[in-house]
Amino acid sequence: MRTKRKISVTIDAELLKAVDDASKTYHMAKSHLAQEAFTLWLKKKTEQLMAKGYREMAEEDKEFAELSFEAQSEVVS
């Protein structure tokens, strides 16, 4: 059973030239270069989304900590 599937993409002529050159320089099939590019792009986007989520959680934690501190200050006073 084949695990790989074919796709078709349309790219600018300039990018195609760069891909052709890279394919020859690194002795890699264009499909392999494309697979690596897709993998890296998906990884980067996932990391960006995770970083955004962590920043949002940090902001929520900060707000909660400030509220808790205010409440504790009122109790102590």
Protein backbone atom coordinates (compact mmCIF):
# COMPACT_ATOMS: atom_id res chain seq x y z
CA MET A 1 0.00 0.00 0.00
CA ARG A 2 1.34 3.44 -0.93
CA THR A 3 1.54 5.94 1.88
CA LYS A 4 2.41 8.87 -0.35
CA ARG A 5 -0.04 10.78 -2.52
CA LYS A 6 0.48 13.10 -5.45
CA ILE A 7 -0.55 16.74 -5.38
CA SER A 8 -0.31 19.55 -7.86
CA VAL A 9 0.89 23.03 -6.94
CA THR A 10 1.22 26.21 -8.92
CA ILE A 11 4.22 28.42 -8.13
CA ASP A 12 5.90 31.44 -9.65
CA ALA A 13 8.51 30.82 -12.33
CA GLU A 14 11.18 32.44 -10.16
CA LEU A 15 10.44 30.09 -7.27
CA LEU A 16 10.40 27.11 -9.62
CA LYS A 17 13.87 28.09 -10.85
CA ALA A 18 15.10 28.27 -7.24
CA VAL A 19 13.57 24.85 -6.51
CA ASP A 20 15.13 23.36 -9.65
CA ASP A 21 18.52 24.81 -8.66
CA ALA A 22 18.20 23.53 -5.08
CA SER A 23 17.16 20.10 -6.36
CA LYS A 24 20.31 19.88 -8.45
CA THR A 25 22.59 21.41 -5.82
CA TYR A 26 21.43 19.12 -3.00
CA HIS A 27 20.74 16.08 -5.21
CA MET A 28 17.17 15.86 -3.95
CA ALA A 29 13.94 15.25 -5.78
CA LYS A 30 11.66 18.28 -5.99
CA SER A 31 8.96 16.29 -4.25
CA HIS A 32 11.32 15.71 -1.31
CA LEU A 33 12.14 19.42 -1.15
CA ALA A 34 8.43 20.24 -1.20
CA GLN A 35 7.74 17.71 1.56
CA GLU A 36 10.46 19.25 3.73
CA ALA A 37 9.14 22.76 3.03
CA PHE A 38 5.59 21.77 3.98
CA THR A 39 6.82 20.03 7.13
CA LEU A 40 8.88 23.05 8.21
CA TRP A 41 6.02 25.45 7.47
CA LEU A 42 3.55 23.39 9.50
CA LYS A 43 6.03 23.11 12.39
CA LYS A 44 6.63 26.87 12.36
CA LYS A 45 2.90 27.65 12.35
CA THR A 46 2.29 25.18 15.19
CA GLU A 47 5.08 26.76 17.24
CA GLN A 48 3.67 30.24 16.57
CA LEU A 49 0.20 29.15 17.71
CA MET A 50 1.63 27.52 20.82
CA ALA A 51 3.66 30.64 21.65
CA LYS A 52 0.55 32.78 21.25
CA GLY A 53 -1.39 30.45 23.54
CA TYR A 54 1.35 30.53 26.16
CA ARG A 55 1.45 34.34 26.05
CA GLU A 56 -2.33 34.48 26.48
CA MET A 57 -2.19 32.03 29.38
CA ALA A 58 0.59 34.05 30.99
CA GLU A 59 -1.54 37.19 30.74
CA GLU A 60 -4.51 35.37 32.27
CA ASP A 61 -2.30 34.02 35.07
CA LYS A 62 -0.97 37.52 35.74
CA GLU A 63 -4.49 38.96 35.93
CA PHE A 64 -5.58 36.16 38.27
CA ALA A 65 -2.52 36.69 40.47
CA GLU A 66 -3.27 40.41 40.71
CA LEU A 67 -6.89 39.71 41.67
CA SER A 68 -5.78 37.15 44.25
CA PHE A 69 -3.25 39.58 45.69
CA GLU A 70 -5.90 42.30 45.98
CA ALA A 71 -8.31 39.90 47.68
CA GLN A 72 -5.65 38.71 50.12
CA SER A 73 -4.68 42.31 50.87
CA GLU A 74 -8.29 43.12 51.73
CA VAL A 75 -8.51 40.10 54.04
CA VAL A 76 -5.29 41.00 55.83
CA SER A 77 -6.26 44.68 56.26
